[in-house]
Amino acid sequence: MLSFSIPAQSRSIKIMCSFCISIYPKISFFFISLLRGISQVILQENVLSGALFLFGVAVNSIIMALGTALGVITATICAVALHYPVKHIKAGLLGYNGALIGVVIFSLYAPSPLTVLFIIGGSALTVLIMRLMMIHIPLPAYTAPYILVIWVIWGMAPTLGLEPAVTSLSEKFSTWGILAGVGQVIFQDNAITGICFLVGIFVSNKSHALWSLIGVVLATLLAELLSLPPTPILAGIFGYNASLSAIALANKSKYWLAPLVGSLLTVPITMVFMGADIIALSAPFVISSWAILPLKKCSH
């Protein structure tokens, strides 16, 4: 009887090993896509950067970290189900707008079944918008897909009775809006989170880390010169779009003027949104970069 059970056990072990070997590449592909998707929020394509960015969000808010994870998972699954290009999925290009949907919804509204549904539905919608923009628009889509979706949800929110998110009143150390500005790239008003993000950028691209700081510093100084309200300055509200614009316009370029001008341009654009009482999100970064990219190409 023992002689029959050993071959049976051996076959079971072989089947399990074969299953694990066959499924490992798919699991690896999925997790790489998720973490690169989070890293693409700050224009990086790096698994470790994505892990550091998610950790940085969790340092400030576990709820927003969960929203980030739910958004990027939903968007990535949607992209796979729609058979979109594997190279784009693995690079995280179809996941990062979903990550932003998750973090922004939980930064604006309290967790509820409705906000979770908005994250899932909104993240899936960003994948469709992103794919259309990649095909039909000559400029990089950047964060435009999630901005459009959030604006619709934000406009509908008063009629839906969504509860506003509870903001933390924990003590913070002042960095004159610099590190908070980096943290606000993923909507975290937290200097320690900003440090996590900077380290994540540095791990992926040292030049981008430098330009991120330059962008925030320039925008913060300009906001001070324009005597703008100190509260949003210290919270990094004028810095995060400048950080993104500096990275985007400095990417694969030896021209330093474009990222400097792009960073400064985000400040008056942010002022326009604030004056119109419209939630700016990262629209100033997108508008600034779209305005300067064609000029940058012409100069080449």
Protein backbone atom coordinates (compact mmCIF):
# COMPACT_ATOMS: atom_id res chain seq x y z
CA MET A 1 0.00 0.00 0.00
CA LEU A 2 2.90 2.33 0.79
CA SER A 3 4.41 1.68 -2.61
CA PHE A 4 1.28 3.11 -4.28
CA SER A 5 0.99 6.21 -2.09
CA ILE A 6 4.53 7.45 -2.74
CA PRO A 7 4.10 7.78 -6.53
CA ALA A 8 0.72 9.44 -5.92
CA GLN A 9 2.32 11.98 -3.57
CA SER A 10 5.13 12.48 -6.04
CA ARG A 11 2.66 13.25 -8.84
CA SER A 12 0.82 15.72 -6.58
CA ILE A 13 4.06 17.51 -5.75
CA LYS A 14 5.01 17.65 -9.44
CA ILE A 15 1.59 19.10 -10.34
CA MET A 16 1.89 21.74 -7.60
CA CYS A 17 5.41 22.66 -8.68
CA SER A 18 4.34 22.87 -12.31
CA PHE A 19 1.41 25.09 -11.33
CA CYS A 20 3.64 27.39 -9.27
CA ILE A 21 6.18 27.63 -12.10
CA SER A 22 3.46 28.45 -14.64
CA ILE A 23 1.74 31.09 -12.49
CA TYR A 24 4.87 32.84 -11.15
CA PRO A 25 5.51 34.95 -14.31
CA LYS A 26 1.91 36.20 -14.24
CA ILE A 27 2.08 37.13 -10.55
CA SER A 28 5.46 38.80 -11.09
CA PHE A 29 4.13 40.73 -14.10
CA PHE A 30 1.11 41.91 -12.10
CA PHE A 31 3.07 43.16 -9.07
CA ILE A 32 5.72 44.83 -11.26
CA SER A 33 2.93 46.59 -13.18
CA LEU A 34 1.27 47.74 -9.94
CA LEU A 35 4.42 49.19 -8.37
CA ARG A 36 5.55 50.80 -11.62
CA GLY A 37 2.06 52.24 -11.95
CA ILE A 38 2.44 53.93 -8.56
CA SER A 39 5.94 55.12 -9.50
CA GLN A 40 4.59 56.68 -12.71
CA VAL A 41 2.54 59.10 -10.57
CA ILE A 42 5.84 61.00 -10.19
CA LEU A 43 7.01 60.16 -13.72
CA GLN A 44 9.26 57.23 -12.76
CA GLU A 45 9.33 53.64 -14.00
CA ASN A 46 10.81 51.80 -11.06
CA VAL A 47 9.44 49.08 -8.78
CA LEU A 48 11.37 50.24 -5.70
CA SER A 49 10.27 53.84 -6.31
CA GLY A 50 6.65 52.68 -6.43
CA ALA A 51 7.06 50.84 -3.13
CA LEU A 52 8.62 53.94 -1.53
CA PHE A 53 5.84 56.19 -2.86
CA LEU A 54 3.16 53.85 -1.47
CA PHE A 55 4.99 53.67 1.85
CA GLY A 56 5.21 57.48 1.90
CA VAL A 57 1.45 57.76 1.43
CA ALA A 58 0.90 55.20 4.21
CA VAL A 59 3.13 57.22 6.56
CA ASN A 60 0.63 60.05 6.29
CA SER A 61 -2.62 58.11 5.77
CA ILE A 62 -3.31 54.36 5.70
CA ILE A 63 -6.74 55.07 4.20
CA MET A 64 -5.24 56.99 1.27
CA ALA A 65 -2.63 54.26 0.78
CA LEU A 66 -5.45 51.71 0.53
CA GLY A 67 -7.21 53.98 -1.97
CA THR A 68 -4.00 54.21 -4.00
CA ALA A 69 -3.67 50.43 -4.02
CA LEU A 70 -7.32 49.87 -4.96
CA GLY A 71 -7.08 52.37 -7.81
CA VAL A 72 -3.90 50.98 -9.37
CA ILE A 73 -5.11 47.37 -9.00
CA THR A 74 -8.44 48.19 -10.68
CA ALA A 75 -6.79 50.09 -13.53
CA THR A 76 -4.20 47.37 -14.14
CA ILE A 77 -6.80 44.58 -14.17
CA CYS A 78 -8.95 46.64 -16.55
CA ALA A 79 -6.00 47.20 -18.92
CA VAL A 80 -5.18 43.47 -18.90
CA ALA A 81 -8.84 42.52 -19.50
CA LEU A 82 -9.03 44.91 -22.47
CA HIS A 83 -5.83 43.39 -23.95
CA TYR A 84 -4.06 46.73 -24.10
CA PRO A 85 -0.34 46.66 -25.03
CA VAL A 86 1.62 44.59 -22.53
CA LYS A 87 4.59 46.98 -22.65
CA HIS A 88 2.36 49.88 -21.57
CA ILE A 89 0.79 47.85 -18.75
CA LYS A 90 4.15 46.61 -17.45
CA ALA A 91 5.58 50.14 -17.59
CA GLY A 92 2.74 51.30 -15.34
CA LEU A 93 1.43 53.76 -17.91
CA LEU A 94 -2.13 52.48 -17.64
CA GLY A 95 -2.16 52.21 -13.85
CA TYR A 96 -0.99 55.50 -12.40
CA ASN A 97 -4.12 57.51 -13.14
CA GLY A 98 -6.07 54.85 -11.25
CA ALA A 99 -3.71 55.22 -8.30
CA LEU A 100 -4.39 58.96 -8.33
CA ILE A 101 -8.15 58.41 -8.45
CA GLY A 102 -7.89 56.31 -5.29
CA VAL A 103 -5.73 58.70 -3.31
CA VAL A 104 -7.65 61.82 -4.33
CA ILE A 105 -11.12 60.43 -3.61
CA PHE A 106 -10.06 59.35 -0.12
CA SER A 107 -8.33 62.71 0.41
CA LEU A 108 -11.57 64.53 -0.44
CA TYR A 109 -14.27 62.19 0.87
CA ALA A 110 -14.70 59.79 3.77
CA PRO A 111 -14.54 56.07 2.95
CA SER A 112 -17.96 54.61 2.13
CA PRO A 113 -19.42 52.04 -0.29
CA LEU A 114 -20.12 54.88 -2.73
CA THR A 115 -16.58 56.30 -2.64
CA VAL A 116 -15.16 52.78 -3.11
CA LEU A 117 -17.41 52.37 -6.16
CA PHE A 118 -16.20 55.73 -7.46
CA ILE A 119 -12.59 54.57 -7.09
CA ILE A 120 -13.25 51.33 -8.96
CA GLY A 121 -15.37 52.92 -11.70
CA GLY A 122 -13.20 56.03 -12.00
CA SER A 123 -9.97 54.03 -12.18
CA ALA A 124 -11.40 51.83 -14.93
CA LEU A 125 -12.54 54.91 -16.83
CA THR A 126 -9.06 56.48 -16.68
CA VAL A 127 -7.69 53.43 -18.53
CA LEU A 128 -10.08 54.03 -21.45
CA ILE A 129 -9.33 57.77 -21.52
CA MET A 130 -5.58 57.17 -21.28
CA ARG A 131 -5.63 54.69 -24.16
CA LEU A 132 -7.61 57.11 -26.35
CA MET A 133 -5.24 59.97 -25.55
CA MET A 134 -2.19 57.82 -26.27
CA ILE A 135 -3.60 57.00 -29.70
CA HIS A 136 -5.07 60.34 -30.74
CA ILE A 137 -3.13 63.11 -28.94
CA PRO A 138 0.47 63.92 -29.94
CA LEU A 139 1.39 65.20 -26.48
CA PRO A 140 1.86 62.99 -23.38
CA ALA A 141 -1.41 62.46 -21.52
CA TYR A 142 0.30 62.83 -18.13
CA THR A 143 -2.41 62.99 -15.44
CA ALA A 144 -5.19 64.41 -17.65
CA PRO A 145 -7.36 61.24 -17.47
CA TYR A 146 -7.71 61.25 -13.69
CA ILE A 147 -8.18 65.05 -13.61
CA LEU A 148 -11.17 64.81 -15.96
CA VAL A 149 -12.74 61.98 -13.93
CA ILE A 150 -12.21 63.70 -10.55
CA TRP A 151 -13.65 66.97 -11.86
CA VAL A 152 -16.85 65.11 -12.81
CA ILE A 153 -17.06 63.39 -9.40
CA TRP A 154 -16.23 66.65 -7.58
CA GLY A 155 -18.98 68.43 -9.51
CA MET A 156 -21.50 65.71 -8.65
CA ALA A 157 -20.48 65.38 -4.98
CA PRO A 158 -22.85 68.04 -3.52
CA THR A 159 -25.88 66.23 -4.96
CA LEU A 160 -24.65 62.82 -3.78
CA GLY A 161 -24.20 63.79 -0.14
CA LEU A 162 -20.63 62.54 0.09
CA GLU A 163 -19.09 63.04 3.53
CA PRO A 164 -15.87 65.11 3.48
CA ALA A 165 -12.70 63.37 4.58
CA VAL A 166 -11.49 63.97 8.13
CA THR A 167 -8.14 65.74 7.99
CA SER A 168 -5.39 64.93 10.45
CA LEU A 169 -4.28 67.61 12.91
CA SER A 170 -1.02 65.88 13.81
CA GLU A 171 2.02 68.08 14.45
CA LYS A 172 4.39 68.69 11.55
CA PHE A 173 7.79 70.26 11.32
CA SER A 174 8.15 73.27 9.05
CA THR A 175 10.18 73.04 5.85
CA TRP A 176 8.73 76.27 4.37
CA GLY A 177 6.52 74.24 2.04
CA ILE A 178 9.46 72.57 0.27
CA LEU A 179 9.14 68.95 1.42
CA ALA A 180 5.38 69.33 1.78
CA GLY A 181 5.37 70.42 -1.86
CA VAL A 182 7.03 67.16 -2.86
CA GLY A 183 4.57 65.27 -0.66
CA GLN A 184 1.63 67.04 -2.29
CA VAL A 185 2.56 65.44 -5.62
CA ILE A 186 0.46 62.53 -4.31
CA PHE A 187 -1.68 64.87 -2.18
CA GLN A 188 0.06 64.31 1.15
CA ASP A 189 0.65 67.38 3.35
CA ASN A 190 3.49 65.74 5.21
CA ALA A 191 7.22 66.56 5.12
CA ILE A 192 8.28 63.01 6.06
CA THR A 193 6.18 61.70 3.18
CA GLY A 194 7.95 64.25 0.96
CA ILE A 195 11.30 62.77 2.04
CA CYS A 196 10.05 59.26 1.14
CA PHE A 197 9.01 60.54 -2.29
CA LEU A 198 12.35 62.27 -2.84
CA VAL A 199 14.24 59.09 -1.94
CA GLY A 200 11.99 57.16 -4.32
CA ILE A 201 12.72 59.59 -7.15
CA PHE A 202 16.46 59.55 -6.34
CA VAL A 203 16.52 55.72 -6.50
CA SER A 204 15.09 55.88 -10.00
CA ASN A 205 16.71 59.03 -11.40
CA LYS A 206 19.08 61.33 -9.51
CA SER A 207 18.56 64.17 -11.99
CA HIS A 208 14.79 63.99 -11.52
CA ALA A 209 15.21 64.23 -7.75
CA LEU A 210 17.24 67.41 -8.18
CA TRP A 211 14.76 68.92 -10.63
CA SER A 212 11.88 68.03 -8.32
CA LEU A 213 13.45 70.10 -5.55
CA ILE A 214 14.37 72.95 -7.92
CA GLY A 215 10.78 73.11 -9.17
CA VAL A 216 9.31 73.24 -5.67
CA VAL A 217 11.80 75.86 -4.46
CA LEU A 218 11.23 78.13 -7.48
CA ALA A 219 7.45 77.93 -7.21
CA THR A 220 7.52 78.53 -3.45
CA LEU A 221 9.78 81.56 -3.86
CA LEU A 222 7.54 82.98 -6.59
CA ALA A 223 4.45 82.47 -4.41
CA GLU A 224 6.24 84.34 -1.60
CA LEU A 225 7.22 87.18 -3.95
CA LEU A 226 3.62 87.48 -5.12
CA SER A 227 2.51 87.68 -1.45
CA LEU A 228 0.16 84.73 -1.85
CA PRO A 229 -1.53 83.33 1.28
CA PRO A 230 1.01 81.66 3.58
CA THR A 231 -1.16 78.68 4.53
CA PRO A 232 -1.25 77.08 1.05
CA ILE A 233 2.43 77.96 0.54
CA LEU A 234 3.46 76.13 3.71
CA ALA A 235 1.17 73.22 2.77
CA GLY A 236 3.05 72.86 -0.53
CA ILE A 237 0.03 73.71 -2.68
CA PHE A 238 2.10 75.88 -5.05
CA GLY A 239 5.02 73.45 -5.15
CA TYR A 240 3.80 70.05 -6.27
CA ASN A 241 2.74 71.01 -9.79
CA ALA A 242 6.08 72.76 -10.25
CA SER A 243 7.89 69.61 -9.12
CA LEU A 244 6.08 67.50 -11.72
CA SER A 245 6.54 70.07 -14.46
CA ALA A 246 10.28 70.34 -13.78
CA ILE A 247 10.70 66.55 -13.99
CA ALA A 248 8.57 66.23 -17.12
CA LEU A 249 10.29 69.05 -19.02
CA ALA A 250 13.80 68.08 -17.92
CA ASN A 251 13.28 64.46 -18.96
CA LYS A 252 15.85 63.32 -21.56
CA SER A 253 16.82 66.91 -22.28
CA LYS A 254 19.93 69.03 -21.83
CA TYR A 255 17.93 72.25 -21.97
CA TRP A 256 17.50 73.71 -18.48
CA LEU A 257 15.32 76.70 -19.42
CA ALA A 258 12.17 74.67 -20.19
CA PRO A 259 11.83 73.06 -16.72
CA LEU A 260 12.57 76.38 -15.02
CA VAL A 261 9.92 78.26 -17.00
CA GLY A 262 7.48 75.37 -16.71
CA SER A 263 7.85 75.29 -12.93
CA LEU A 264 7.24 79.02 -12.59
CA LEU A 265 4.28 78.91 -14.97
CA THR A 266 2.41 76.49 -12.70
CA VAL A 267 2.05 79.20 -10.03
CA PRO A 268 -0.15 81.66 -11.99
CA ILE A 269 -2.12 78.73 -13.43
CA THR A 270 -2.77 77.49 -9.88
CA MET A 271 -3.86 81.02 -8.92
CA VAL A 272 -6.41 81.01 -11.76
CA PHE A 273 -7.92 77.75 -10.51
CA MET A 274 -8.01 79.04 -6.93
CA GLY A 275 -9.64 82.29 -8.06
CA ALA A 276 -12.27 80.35 -9.99
CA ASP A 277 -12.85 78.09 -6.96
CA ILE A 278 -12.07 74.98 -9.01
CA ILE A 279 -10.07 72.14 -7.55
CA ALA A 280 -6.73 72.36 -9.40
CA LEU A 281 -5.36 68.86 -8.79
CA SER A 282 -2.35 68.49 -11.13
CA ALA A 283 -3.96 70.45 -13.98
CA PRO A 284 -1.40 73.30 -13.69
CA PHE A 285 1.38 70.77 -14.31
CA VAL A 286 -0.38 69.33 -17.36
CA ILE A 287 -1.24 72.75 -18.84
CA SER A 288 2.25 74.13 -18.21
CA SER A 289 3.94 71.09 -19.72
CA TRP A 290 1.62 71.00 -22.72
CA ALA A 291 2.30 74.71 -23.34
CA ILE A 292 6.09 74.35 -23.23
CA LEU A 293 6.67 70.93 -24.86
CA PRO A 294 5.89 72.14 -28.43
CA LEU A 295 8.23 75.14 -27.92
CA LYS A 296 10.90 72.79 -26.61
CA LYS A 297 10.57 70.59 -29.69
CA CYS A 298 10.76 73.62 -32.00
CA SER A 299 13.99 74.74 -30.32
CA HIS A 300 15.56 71.39 -31.20
